[in-house]
Amino acid sequence: MAEIPEGRFTCPSCGGKAELFVDDAPTSDGKVGTLICQDCGAKTEITLKDARDERLEAVKIAVDAERDAFLFYRKAAEKSTNPRGKDMFQQLSEFEIEHYKKMIHLYLSLKDENKWIPYTGVGELMARNRIEGAKGRYETRDDDIRALKTAIAKEEEAASFYRKMAEKTEDPLGKEMFKKLVDEEETHRRLLNDQFYALQNQGEWVWGD
């Protein structure tokens, strides 16, 4: 299962460009998404089945964690009434779903070809637009604080997991991938921590300034 430079998969039927559409939760048979070819239209269900391989089991843990992360941020975005909060949580959700897809691709590559894959990173988080008039206290302020606190813990846990994976992985591509994932999760943690402090102590969202 190859992946072309743009970050999309290739169709196992015709070799054309394909996109992975992910499921919110795995099914009983381990299905995590569907690969749809943009050229021939073929659909291929992607499943992560149990495997007696320490590497695959570790990557499956990462897949589950990244799925939980993007669902958590999506729900936080839906609940927040502050446009700054909505924007930040939504972008974090989109960021984590890319991690989710990358871990699925890594699982398939290790399983089918016994190969690690390169990872250039998702990119920087940045407010889409400066959001005026979105500071101050909102009805869901306490909910947002709880969401931020939970998110910080999730990012710390993710960074710790990927750090351990980087230490255990001997392959240069795999080691570099996990180090970059650590850096990204740590960046998220710092961003969330700064926002948590500002909202708790100043009653303001600083995202978008």
N, C-alpha and C. Protein backbone atom coordinates (compact mmCIF):
# COMPACT_ATOMS: atom_id res chain seq x y z
N MET A 1 0.86 -1.19 0.00
CA MET A 1 0.00 0.00 0.00
C MET A 1 0.89 1.23 0.00
N ALA A 2 1.05 1.85 -1.14
CA ALA A 2 1.94 3.00 -1.25
C ALA A 2 1.18 4.30 -1.00
N GLU A 3 1.95 5.37 -0.77
CA GLU A 3 1.35 6.68 -0.58
C GLU A 3 2.11 7.67 -1.43
N ILE A 4 1.41 8.47 -2.22
CA ILE A 4 2.07 9.41 -3.09
C ILE A 4 2.46 10.65 -2.30
N PRO A 5 3.36 11.51 -2.84
CA PRO A 5 3.91 12.64 -2.09
C PRO A 5 2.88 13.57 -1.47
N GLU A 6 1.74 13.77 -2.14
CA GLU A 6 0.74 14.69 -1.59
C GLU A 6 0.13 14.18 -0.30
N GLY A 7 0.45 12.97 0.09
CA GLY A 7 -0.09 12.44 1.33
C GLY A 7 -1.27 11.52 1.12
N ARG A 8 -1.60 11.26 -0.13
CA ARG A 8 -2.72 10.37 -0.40
C ARG A 8 -2.23 8.99 -0.78
N PHE A 9 -3.08 8.02 -0.62
CA PHE A 9 -2.73 6.64 -0.94
C PHE A 9 -2.88 6.37 -2.43
N THR A 10 -2.31 5.25 -2.87
CA THR A 10 -2.51 4.81 -4.24
C THR A 10 -3.49 3.65 -4.24
N CYS A 11 -4.28 3.58 -5.28
CA CYS A 11 -5.30 2.53 -5.42
C CYS A 11 -4.64 1.17 -5.63
N PRO A 12 -5.02 0.16 -4.85
CA PRO A 12 -4.45 -1.18 -5.03
C PRO A 12 -4.91 -1.84 -6.33
N SER A 13 -5.96 -1.30 -6.97
CA SER A 13 -6.48 -1.88 -8.20
C SER A 13 -5.80 -1.32 -9.45
N CYS A 14 -5.72 0.03 -9.53
CA CYS A 14 -5.19 0.64 -10.75
C CYS A 14 -3.93 1.46 -10.52
N GLY A 15 -3.58 1.68 -9.28
CA GLY A 15 -2.39 2.48 -8.97
C GLY A 15 -2.62 3.97 -9.02
N GLY A 16 -3.86 4.39 -9.20
CA GLY A 16 -4.17 5.82 -9.25
C GLY A 16 -4.25 6.45 -7.88
N LYS A 17 -4.53 7.74 -7.86
CA LYS A 17 -4.65 8.46 -6.60
C LYS A 17 -5.91 8.01 -5.85
N ALA A 18 -5.75 7.80 -4.56
CA ALA A 18 -6.89 7.38 -3.74
C ALA A 18 -6.88 8.16 -2.43
N GLU A 19 -8.04 8.29 -1.85
CA GLU A 19 -8.16 9.00 -0.58
C GLU A 19 -8.75 8.08 0.47
N LEU A 20 -8.21 8.18 1.68
CA LEU A 20 -8.71 7.37 2.78
C LEU A 20 -9.78 8.12 3.55
N PHE A 21 -10.99 7.57 3.56
CA PHE A 21 -12.08 8.14 4.34
C PHE A 21 -12.20 7.31 5.61
N VAL A 22 -12.01 7.97 6.74
CA VAL A 22 -11.91 7.24 8.00
C VAL A 22 -13.26 7.10 8.69
N ASP A 23 -13.37 6.04 9.49
CA ASP A 23 -14.55 5.82 10.31
C ASP A 23 -14.31 6.40 11.69
N ASP A 24 -15.38 6.88 12.32
CA ASP A 24 -15.25 7.44 13.66
C ASP A 24 -14.78 6.39 14.66
N ALA A 25 -15.20 5.18 14.47
CA ALA A 25 -14.82 4.11 15.39
C ALA A 25 -14.64 2.83 14.59
N PRO A 26 -13.69 1.99 14.98
CA PRO A 26 -13.49 0.72 14.26
C PRO A 26 -14.69 -0.20 14.46
N THR A 27 -14.97 -0.99 13.45
CA THR A 27 -16.06 -1.95 13.56
C THR A 27 -15.54 -3.22 14.22
N SER A 28 -16.44 -4.17 14.42
CA SER A 28 -16.05 -5.42 15.08
C SER A 28 -15.01 -6.20 14.29
N ASP A 29 -14.97 -5.96 12.96
CA ASP A 29 -13.99 -6.67 12.15
C ASP A 29 -12.70 -5.88 11.96
N GLY A 30 -12.55 -4.77 12.70
CA GLY A 30 -11.32 -3.98 12.65
C GLY A 30 -11.27 -2.94 11.55
N LYS A 31 -12.38 -2.69 10.85
CA LYS A 31 -12.39 -1.70 9.77
C LYS A 31 -12.21 -0.29 10.34
N VAL A 32 -11.27 0.44 9.76
CA VAL A 32 -11.00 1.81 10.23
C VAL A 32 -11.29 2.85 9.16
N GLY A 33 -11.51 2.42 7.92
CA GLY A 33 -11.78 3.39 6.87
C GLY A 33 -11.95 2.72 5.52
N THR A 34 -12.19 3.56 4.52
CA THR A 34 -12.37 3.07 3.16
C THR A 34 -11.51 3.87 2.21
N LEU A 35 -10.76 3.16 1.38
CA LEU A 35 -9.91 3.79 0.38
C LEU A 35 -10.71 3.92 -0.91
N ILE A 36 -10.87 5.14 -1.42
CA ILE A 36 -11.64 5.38 -2.64
C ILE A 36 -10.74 5.97 -3.71
N CYS A 37 -10.64 5.29 -4.83
CA CYS A 37 -9.77 5.72 -5.92
C CYS A 37 -10.42 6.88 -6.67
N GLN A 38 -9.66 7.94 -6.92
CA GLN A 38 -10.17 9.09 -7.66
C GLN A 38 -10.17 8.84 -9.16
N ASP A 39 -9.46 7.80 -9.60
CA ASP A 39 -9.38 7.52 -11.03
C ASP A 39 -10.39 6.47 -11.47
N CYS A 40 -10.36 5.30 -10.82
CA CYS A 40 -11.25 4.21 -11.26
C CYS A 40 -12.48 4.05 -10.38
N GLY A 41 -12.49 4.74 -9.22
CA GLY A 41 -13.65 4.68 -8.34
C GLY A 41 -13.71 3.45 -7.45
N ALA A 42 -12.68 2.61 -7.50
CA ALA A 42 -12.68 1.39 -6.68
C ALA A 42 -12.67 1.74 -5.20
N LYS A 43 -13.39 0.94 -4.42
CA LYS A 43 -13.44 1.13 -2.98
C LYS A 43 -12.82 -0.08 -2.29
N THR A 44 -11.92 0.20 -1.36
CA THR A 44 -11.24 -0.86 -0.63
C THR A 44 -11.36 -0.61 0.86
N GLU A 45 -11.97 -1.52 1.58
CA GLU A 45 -12.09 -1.37 3.03
C GLU A 45 -10.74 -1.65 3.69
N ILE A 46 -10.38 -0.79 4.63
CA ILE A 46 -9.11 -0.93 5.34
C ILE A 46 -9.38 -1.47 6.74
N THR A 47 -8.79 -2.59 7.05
CA THR A 47 -8.95 -3.18 8.38
C THR A 47 -7.60 -3.40 9.02
N LEU A 48 -7.55 -3.21 10.32
CA LEU A 48 -6.34 -3.47 11.10
C LEU A 48 -6.63 -4.66 12.00
N LYS A 49 -6.24 -5.82 11.54
CA LYS A 49 -6.53 -7.04 12.28
C LYS A 49 -5.42 -7.33 13.28
N ASP A 50 -5.76 -8.14 14.26
CA ASP A 50 -4.77 -8.51 15.26
C ASP A 50 -3.59 -9.20 14.59
N ALA A 51 -2.40 -8.85 15.05
CA ALA A 51 -1.19 -9.45 14.48
C ALA A 51 -0.19 -9.69 15.59
N ARG A 52 0.50 -10.81 15.50
CA ARG A 52 1.50 -11.14 16.51
C ARG A 52 2.82 -10.47 16.15
N ASP A 53 2.80 -9.17 16.19
CA ASP A 53 3.97 -8.36 15.85
C ASP A 53 3.97 -7.16 16.78
N GLU A 54 5.02 -7.01 17.55
CA GLU A 54 5.08 -5.94 18.55
C GLU A 54 4.96 -4.57 17.90
N ARG A 55 5.56 -4.41 16.73
CA ARG A 55 5.48 -3.12 16.05
C ARG A 55 4.05 -2.79 15.65
N LEU A 56 3.36 -3.77 15.07
CA LEU A 56 1.99 -3.54 14.62
C LEU A 56 1.06 -3.28 15.79
N GLU A 57 1.25 -3.99 16.87
CA GLU A 57 0.41 -3.77 18.04
C GLU A 57 0.62 -2.36 18.58
N ALA A 58 1.87 -1.88 18.57
CA ALA A 58 2.15 -0.53 19.04
C ALA A 58 1.51 0.51 18.13
N VAL A 59 1.58 0.29 16.83
CA VAL A 59 0.99 1.24 15.89
C VAL A 59 -0.53 1.24 16.02
N LYS A 60 -1.11 0.07 16.29
CA LYS A 60 -2.57 0.01 16.51
C LYS A 60 -2.98 0.85 17.71
N ILE A 61 -2.15 0.84 18.75
CA ILE A 61 -2.42 1.68 19.92
C ILE A 61 -2.42 3.15 19.50
N ALA A 62 -1.44 3.52 18.66
CA ALA A 62 -1.36 4.89 18.18
C ALA A 62 -2.58 5.25 17.33
N VAL A 63 -3.02 4.32 16.48
CA VAL A 63 -4.21 4.56 15.65
C VAL A 63 -5.42 4.86 16.54
N ASP A 64 -5.63 4.04 17.55
CA ASP A 64 -6.76 4.25 18.45
C ASP A 64 -6.66 5.58 19.18
N ALA A 65 -5.45 5.92 19.62
CA ALA A 65 -5.25 7.17 20.37
C ALA A 65 -5.50 8.39 19.49
N GLU A 66 -5.03 8.33 18.25
CA GLU A 66 -5.23 9.46 17.34
C GLU A 66 -6.70 9.60 16.96
N ARG A 67 -7.40 8.48 16.80
CA ARG A 67 -8.84 8.56 16.53
C ARG A 67 -9.56 9.21 17.70
N ASP A 68 -9.23 8.78 18.91
CA ASP A 68 -9.86 9.37 20.09
C ASP A 68 -9.56 10.86 20.19
N ALA A 69 -8.34 11.25 19.81
CA ALA A 69 -7.94 12.66 19.89
C ALA A 69 -8.75 13.52 18.92
N PHE A 70 -8.86 13.07 17.66
CA PHE A 70 -9.59 13.93 16.72
C PHE A 70 -11.07 13.97 17.04
N LEU A 71 -11.64 12.89 17.57
CA LEU A 71 -13.05 12.92 17.98
C LEU A 71 -13.24 13.83 19.19
N PHE A 72 -12.28 13.80 20.12
CA PHE A 72 -12.36 14.67 21.30
C PHE A 72 -12.35 16.14 20.89
N TYR A 73 -11.41 16.50 20.00
CA TYR A 73 -11.31 17.90 19.59
C TYR A 73 -12.52 18.33 18.76
N ARG A 74 -13.05 17.42 17.97
CA ARG A 74 -14.24 17.75 17.19
C ARG A 74 -15.42 18.04 18.10
N LYS A 75 -15.57 17.24 19.14
CA LYS A 75 -16.66 17.46 20.09
C LYS A 75 -16.45 18.76 20.86
N ALA A 76 -15.20 19.04 21.23
CA ALA A 76 -14.90 20.28 21.96
C ALA A 76 -15.22 21.49 21.08
N ALA A 77 -14.95 21.38 19.77
CA ALA A 77 -15.25 22.47 18.86
C ALA A 77 -16.76 22.69 18.75
N GLU A 78 -17.50 21.59 18.73
CA GLU A 78 -18.96 21.69 18.64
C GLU A 78 -19.56 22.32 19.89
N LYS A 79 -18.98 22.05 21.05
CA LYS A 79 -19.53 22.53 22.32
C LYS A 79 -19.15 23.97 22.62
N SER A 80 -17.97 24.41 22.16
CA SER A 80 -17.52 25.75 22.49
C SER A 80 -18.37 26.80 21.80
N THR A 81 -18.78 27.82 22.55
CA THR A 81 -19.57 28.91 21.96
C THR A 81 -18.69 30.08 21.56
N ASN A 82 -17.41 30.01 21.86
CA ASN A 82 -16.49 31.08 21.50
C ASN A 82 -15.88 30.78 20.14
N PRO A 83 -15.95 31.69 19.17
CA PRO A 83 -15.41 31.42 17.84
C PRO A 83 -13.92 31.13 17.84
N ARG A 84 -13.18 31.70 18.79
CA ARG A 84 -11.76 31.41 18.90
C ARG A 84 -11.56 29.95 19.35
N GLY A 85 -12.35 29.55 20.33
CA GLY A 85 -12.27 28.18 20.82
C GLY A 85 -12.66 27.18 19.74
N LYS A 86 -13.74 27.49 19.02
CA LYS A 86 -14.18 26.61 17.94
C LYS A 86 -13.08 26.43 16.90
N ASP A 87 -12.46 27.54 16.54
CA ASP A 87 -11.43 27.49 15.50
C ASP A 87 -10.23 26.67 15.96
N MET A 88 -9.78 26.89 17.19
CA MET A 88 -8.61 26.18 17.69
C MET A 88 -8.89 24.68 17.80
N PHE A 89 -10.01 24.31 18.42
CA PHE A 89 -10.33 22.90 18.58
C PHE A 89 -10.55 22.21 17.23
N GLN A 90 -11.17 22.92 16.28
CA GLN A 90 -11.40 22.34 14.97
C GLN A 90 -10.08 22.07 14.25
N GLN A 91 -9.15 23.01 14.35
CA GLN A 91 -7.86 22.81 13.70
C GLN A 91 -7.08 21.67 14.35
N LEU A 92 -7.19 21.56 15.65
CA LEU A 92 -6.53 20.44 16.33
C LEU A 92 -7.14 19.12 15.90
N SER A 93 -8.46 19.09 15.69
CA SER A 93 -9.13 17.88 15.22
C SER A 93 -8.61 17.50 13.84
N GLU A 94 -8.49 18.48 12.96
CA GLU A 94 -8.00 18.21 11.61
C GLU A 94 -6.55 17.75 11.64
N PHE A 95 -5.77 18.30 12.55
CA PHE A 95 -4.37 17.91 12.69
C PHE A 95 -4.27 16.46 13.12
N GLU A 96 -5.07 16.07 14.11
CA GLU A 96 -5.00 14.71 14.64
C GLU A 96 -5.54 13.68 13.65
N ILE A 97 -6.47 14.06 12.80
CA ILE A 97 -6.96 13.08 11.83
C ILE A 97 -5.88 12.77 10.80
N GLU A 98 -4.99 13.73 10.55
CA GLU A 98 -3.86 13.46 9.66
C GLU A 98 -2.88 12.49 10.32
N HIS A 99 -2.69 12.65 11.64
CA HIS A 99 -1.88 11.68 12.38
C HIS A 99 -2.52 10.30 12.29
N TYR A 100 -3.83 10.27 12.42
CA TYR A 100 -4.59 9.01 12.37
C TYR A 100 -4.36 8.30 11.04
N LYS A 101 -4.48 9.04 9.94
CA LYS A 101 -4.27 8.46 8.61
C LYS A 101 -2.82 7.98 8.46
N LYS A 102 -1.88 8.77 8.98
CA LYS A 102 -0.48 8.39 8.85
C LYS A 102 -0.18 7.10 9.61
N MET A 103 -0.78 6.94 10.79
CA MET A 103 -0.55 5.71 11.54
C MET A 103 -1.19 4.50 10.85
N ILE A 104 -2.32 4.71 10.19
CA ILE A 104 -2.94 3.64 9.43
C ILE A 104 -2.03 3.24 8.26
N HIS A 105 -1.51 4.24 7.59
CA HIS A 105 -0.60 3.96 6.48
C HIS A 105 0.64 3.24 6.96
N LEU A 106 1.18 3.64 8.10
CA LEU A 106 2.36 2.97 8.65
C LEU A 106 2.06 1.52 8.97
N TYR A 107 0.90 1.28 9.57
CA TYR A 107 0.51 -0.10 9.89
C TYR A 107 0.48 -0.96 8.63
N LEU A 108 -0.16 -0.45 7.58
CA LEU A 108 -0.28 -1.22 6.34
C LEU A 108 1.08 -1.44 5.69
N SER A 109 1.93 -0.43 5.74
CA SER A 109 3.25 -0.55 5.13
C SER A 109 4.10 -1.59 5.86
N LEU A 110 4.06 -1.57 7.19
CA LEU A 110 4.82 -2.55 7.96
C LEU A 110 4.26 -3.96 7.75
N LYS A 111 2.96 -4.06 7.71
CA LYS A 111 2.32 -5.37 7.57
C LYS A 111 2.53 -5.96 6.18
N ASP A 112 2.34 -5.15 5.14
CA ASP A 112 2.37 -5.67 3.77
C ASP A 112 3.77 -5.70 3.16
N GLU A 113 4.61 -4.72 3.53
CA GLU A 113 5.92 -4.61 2.89
C GLU A 113 7.09 -4.61 3.87
N ASN A 114 6.77 -4.64 5.16
CA ASN A 114 7.81 -4.59 6.19
C ASN A 114 8.70 -3.35 6.03
N LYS A 115 8.04 -2.22 5.68
CA LYS A 115 8.79 -0.97 5.45
C LYS A 115 8.25 0.16 6.34
N TRP A 116 9.18 0.92 6.87
CA TRP A 116 8.82 2.16 7.54
C TRP A 116 8.60 3.23 6.48
N ILE A 117 7.89 4.29 6.84
CA ILE A 117 7.57 5.33 5.86
C ILE A 117 8.09 6.68 6.33
N PRO A 118 8.38 7.58 5.40
CA PRO A 118 8.85 8.91 5.79
C PRO A 118 7.70 9.77 6.32
N TYR A 119 8.03 10.76 7.12
CA TYR A 119 7.02 11.66 7.66
C TYR A 119 7.59 13.06 7.69
N THR A 120 7.01 13.96 6.91
CA THR A 120 7.51 15.33 6.84
C THR A 120 6.79 16.25 7.82
N GLY A 121 5.74 15.76 8.45
CA GLY A 121 4.98 16.58 9.39
C GLY A 121 3.72 17.13 8.76
N VAL A 122 2.78 17.53 9.59
CA VAL A 122 1.50 18.04 9.12
C VAL A 122 1.57 19.53 8.82
N GLY A 123 2.40 20.25 9.56
CA GLY A 123 2.47 21.70 9.39
C GLY A 123 2.18 22.41 10.70
N GLU A 124 2.18 23.73 10.64
CA GLU A 124 1.97 24.52 11.84
C GLU A 124 0.50 24.83 12.05
N LEU A 125 0.12 24.93 13.31
CA LEU A 125 -1.22 25.36 13.65
C LEU A 125 -1.26 26.89 13.61
N MET A 126 -2.28 27.42 12.98
CA MET A 126 -2.39 28.87 12.88
C MET A 126 -3.85 29.25 12.73
N ALA A 127 -4.27 30.26 13.47
CA ALA A 127 -5.66 30.71 13.36
C ALA A 127 -5.95 31.10 11.92
N ARG A 128 -7.09 30.66 11.41
CA ARG A 128 -7.41 30.93 10.01
C ARG A 128 -7.57 32.42 9.76
N ASN A 129 -8.18 33.10 10.69
CA ASN A 129 -8.35 34.54 10.58
C ASN A 129 -8.32 35.13 11.98
N ARG A 130 -7.90 36.38 12.06
CA ARG A 130 -7.99 37.07 13.34
C ARG A 130 -9.46 37.21 13.68
N ILE A 131 -9.83 36.74 14.84
CA ILE A 131 -11.25 36.72 15.22
C ILE A 131 -11.52 37.84 16.20
N GLU A 132 -12.14 38.89 15.73
CA GLU A 132 -12.39 40.07 16.56
C GLU A 132 -13.58 39.83 17.50
N GLY A 133 -13.52 40.47 18.65
CA GLY A 133 -14.65 40.46 19.57
C GLY A 133 -14.99 39.11 20.15
N ALA A 134 -14.02 38.22 20.23
CA ALA A 134 -14.32 36.88 20.73
C ALA A 134 -13.70 36.61 22.09
N LYS A 135 -13.19 37.67 22.72
CA LYS A 135 -12.65 37.49 24.06
C LYS A 135 -13.76 37.60 25.09
N GLY A 136 -13.41 37.46 26.35
CA GLY A 136 -14.39 37.61 27.40
C GLY A 136 -14.97 36.30 27.88
N ARG A 137 -15.94 36.39 28.74
CA ARG A 137 -16.51 35.21 29.39
C ARG A 137 -17.75 34.74 28.61
N TYR A 138 -17.81 33.44 28.40
CA TYR A 138 -18.93 32.84 27.68
C TYR A 138 -19.57 31.78 28.58
N GLU A 139 -20.76 31.39 28.26
CA GLU A 139 -21.49 30.44 29.10
C GLU A 139 -20.75 29.12 29.26
N THR A 140 -20.04 28.71 28.24
CA THR A 140 -19.37 27.42 28.29
C THR A 140 -17.91 27.55 28.73
N ARG A 141 -17.57 28.66 29.38
CA ARG A 141 -16.18 28.88 29.77
C ARG A 141 -15.65 27.74 30.61
N ASP A 142 -16.43 27.27 31.58
CA ASP A 142 -15.98 26.15 32.42
C ASP A 142 -15.80 24.88 31.59
N ASP A 143 -16.70 24.66 30.63
CA ASP A 143 -16.56 23.50 29.75
C ASP A 143 -15.29 23.60 28.93
N ASP A 144 -14.98 24.79 28.45
CA ASP A 144 -13.76 24.98 27.67
C ASP A 144 -12.52 24.74 28.51
N ILE A 145 -12.54 25.19 29.75
CA ILE A 145 -11.40 24.97 30.64
C ILE A 145 -11.19 23.49 30.89
N ARG A 146 -12.29 22.77 31.11
CA ARG A 146 -12.18 21.32 31.31
C ARG A 146 -11.65 20.64 30.05
N ALA A 147 -12.14 21.09 28.88
CA ALA A 147 -11.67 20.51 27.63
C ALA A 147 -10.18 20.76 27.43
N LEU A 148 -9.74 21.97 27.75
CA LEU A 148 -8.32 22.30 27.61
C LEU A 148 -7.47 21.45 28.56
N LYS A 149 -7.94 21.29 29.78
CA LYS A 149 -7.20 20.50 30.76
C LYS A 149 -7.07 19.05 30.30
N THR A 150 -8.16 18.50 29.79
CA THR A 150 -8.13 17.13 29.29
C THR A 150 -7.22 17.02 28.07
N ALA A 151 -7.29 18.01 27.19
CA ALA A 151 -6.48 18.00 25.98
C ALA A 151 -4.99 18.04 26.31
N ILE A 152 -4.61 18.82 27.30
CA ILE A 152 -3.21 18.90 27.72
C ILE A 152 -2.71 17.53 28.14
N ALA A 153 -3.53 16.84 28.93
CA ALA A 153 -3.15 15.49 29.40
C ALA A 153 -3.03 14.53 28.22
N LYS A 154 -3.94 14.62 27.25
CA LYS A 154 -3.89 13.75 26.08
C LYS A 154 -2.62 13.99 25.26
N GLU A 155 -2.25 15.26 25.09
CA GLU A 155 -1.07 15.58 24.31
C GLU A 155 0.20 15.11 25.03
N GLU A 156 0.22 15.23 26.35
CA GLU A 156 1.37 14.75 27.13
C GLU A 156 1.50 13.23 26.99
N GLU A 157 0.38 12.55 27.04
CA GLU A 157 0.38 11.09 26.91
C GLU A 157 0.86 10.67 25.52
N ALA A 158 0.38 11.39 24.49
CA ALA A 158 0.77 11.06 23.12
C ALA A 158 2.26 11.29 22.92
N ALA A 159 2.77 12.41 23.43
CA ALA A 159 4.20 12.71 23.28
C ALA A 159 5.05 11.66 23.98
N SER A 160 4.61 11.23 25.15
CA SER A 160 5.34 10.21 25.90
C SER A 160 5.36 8.89 25.13
N PHE A 161 4.23 8.52 24.54
CA PHE A 161 4.15 7.27 23.79
C PHE A 161 5.08 7.31 22.58
N TYR A 162 5.02 8.40 21.81
CA TYR A 162 5.86 8.49 20.62
C TYR A 162 7.34 8.59 20.98
N ARG A 163 7.64 9.18 22.12
CA ARG A 163 9.03 9.26 22.57
C ARG A 163 9.57 7.85 22.84
N LYS A 164 8.75 7.03 23.48
CA LYS A 164 9.16 5.64 23.74
C LYS A 164 9.32 4.87 22.44
N MET A 165 8.42 5.12 21.49
CA MET A 165 8.53 4.45 20.19
C MET A 165 9.81 4.86 19.47
N ALA A 166 10.16 6.13 19.56
CA ALA A 166 11.39 6.60 18.92
C ALA A 166 12.61 5.92 19.53
N GLU A 167 12.59 5.73 20.83
CA GLU A 167 13.72 5.08 21.52
C GLU A 167 13.83 3.61 21.13
N LYS A 168 12.68 2.96 20.91
CA LYS A 168 12.68 1.52 20.63
C LYS A 168 12.92 1.21 19.15
N THR A 169 12.62 2.17 18.28
CA THR A 169 12.71 1.92 16.84
C THR A 169 14.13 2.13 16.34
N GLU A 170 14.67 1.11 15.68
CA GLU A 170 16.03 1.20 15.15
C GLU A 170 16.07 1.76 13.73
N ASP A 171 15.01 1.56 12.98
CA ASP A 171 14.97 2.05 11.61
C ASP A 171 15.02 3.58 11.60
N PRO A 172 15.91 4.20 10.80
CA PRO A 172 16.05 5.66 10.76
C PRO A 172 14.76 6.39 10.39
N LEU A 173 14.03 5.87 9.39
CA LEU A 173 12.77 6.51 9.00
C LEU A 173 11.76 6.47 10.14
N GLY A 174 11.66 5.31 10.78
CA GLY A 174 10.71 5.18 11.88
C GLY A 174 11.10 6.06 13.05
N LYS A 175 12.36 6.09 13.38
CA LYS A 175 12.83 6.91 14.50
C LYS A 175 12.56 8.39 14.24
N GLU A 176 12.86 8.83 13.00
CA GLU A 176 12.64 10.23 12.65
C GLU A 176 11.15 10.57 12.68
N MET A 177 10.31 9.65 12.21
CA MET A 177 8.87 9.88 12.24
C MET A 177 8.37 10.12 13.66
N PHE A 178 8.75 9.23 14.56
CA PHE A 178 8.27 9.34 15.93
C PHE A 178 8.81 10.59 16.62
N LYS A 179 10.03 10.99 16.30
CA LYS A 179 10.59 12.21 16.88
C LYS A 179 9.79 13.43 16.42
N LYS A 180 9.40 13.45 15.15
CA LYS A 180 8.60 14.56 14.63
C LYS A 180 7.22 14.57 15.27
N LEU A 181 6.66 13.38 15.48
CA LEU A 181 5.36 13.31 16.15
C LEU A 181 5.46 13.82 17.58
N VAL A 182 6.56 13.51 18.26
CA VAL A 182 6.78 14.04 19.61
C VAL A 182 6.80 15.56 19.57
N ASP A 183 7.54 16.13 18.62
CA ASP A 183 7.64 17.59 18.52
C ASP A 183 6.27 18.22 18.28
N GLU A 184 5.46 17.59 17.43
CA GLU A 184 4.14 18.15 17.13
C GLU A 184 3.22 18.08 18.33
N GLU A 185 3.24 16.96 19.04
CA GLU A 185 2.37 16.84 20.22
C GLU A 185 2.82 17.78 21.32
N GLU A 186 4.13 17.98 21.45
CA GLU A 186 4.64 18.92 22.44
C GLU A 186 4.24 20.35 22.09
N THR A 187 4.25 20.67 20.82
CA THR A 187 3.81 22.00 20.38
C THR A 187 2.35 22.21 20.73
N HIS A 188 1.54 21.19 20.51
CA HIS A 188 0.12 21.27 20.87
C HIS A 188 -0.04 21.47 22.38
N ARG A 189 0.74 20.73 23.15
CA ARG A 189 0.64 20.85 24.60
C ARG A 189 0.96 22.27 25.06
N ARG A 190 1.99 22.85 24.51
CA ARG A 190 2.36 24.21 24.91
C ARG A 190 1.28 25.21 24.52
N LEU A 191 0.74 25.05 23.32
CA LEU A 191 -0.33 25.94 22.87
C LEU A 191 -1.54 25.84 23.79
N LEU A 192 -1.93 24.62 24.10
CA LEU A 192 -3.08 24.39 24.97
C LEU A 192 -2.84 24.90 26.38
N ASN A 193 -1.62 24.72 26.87
CA ASN A 193 -1.28 25.17 28.21
C ASN A 193 -1.36 26.69 28.31
N ASP A 194 -0.86 27.38 27.29
CA ASP A 194 -0.93 28.85 27.27
C ASP A 194 -2.38 29.32 27.24
N GLN A 195 -3.20 28.64 26.43
CA GLN A 195 -4.61 29.02 26.34
C GLN A 195 -5.35 28.72 27.64
N PHE A 196 -5.02 27.59 28.27
CA PHE A 196 -5.62 27.22 29.54
C PHE A 196 -5.33 28.29 30.59
N TYR A 197 -4.09 28.73 30.65
CA TYR A 197 -3.70 29.76 31.63
C TYR A 197 -4.46 31.05 31.36
N ALA A 198 -4.54 31.47 30.10
CA ALA A 198 -5.20 32.72 29.75
C ALA A 198 -6.69 32.67 30.07
N LEU A 199 -7.33 31.55 29.78
CA LEU A 199 -8.77 31.45 30.00
C LEU A 199 -9.10 31.33 31.48
N GLN A 200 -8.27 30.59 32.20
CA GLN A 200 -8.52 30.39 33.63
C GLN A 200 -8.23 31.65 34.44
N ASN A 201 -7.17 32.35 34.08
CA ASN A 201 -6.73 33.49 34.89
C ASN A 201 -7.19 34.85 34.36
N GLN A 202 -7.42 34.94 33.05
CA GLN A 202 -7.81 36.22 32.48
C GLN A 202 -9.22 36.20 31.89
N GLY A 203 -9.77 34.99 31.77
CA GLY A 203 -11.11 34.87 31.19
C GLY A 203 -11.14 35.18 29.71
N GLU A 204 -10.00 34.97 29.01
CA GLU A 204 -9.93 35.34 27.61
C GLU A 204 -9.34 34.22 26.76
N TRP A 205 -9.81 34.17 25.52
CA TRP A 205 -9.18 33.32 24.50
C TRP A 205 -8.14 34.15 23.80
N VAL A 206 -6.91 33.68 23.75
CA VAL A 206 -5.84 34.40 23.08
C VAL A 206 -5.55 33.82 21.69
N TRP A 207 -6.14 32.67 21.38
CA TRP A 207 -5.97 32.09 20.05
C TRP A 207 -6.56 33.05 19.01
N GLY A 208 -5.78 33.37 17.99
CA GLY A 208 -6.23 34.27 16.95
C GLY A 208 -5.70 35.68 17.10
N ASP A 209 -4.98 35.96 18.21
CA ASP A 209 -4.40 37.30 18.35
C ASP A 209 -3.21 37.47 17.43
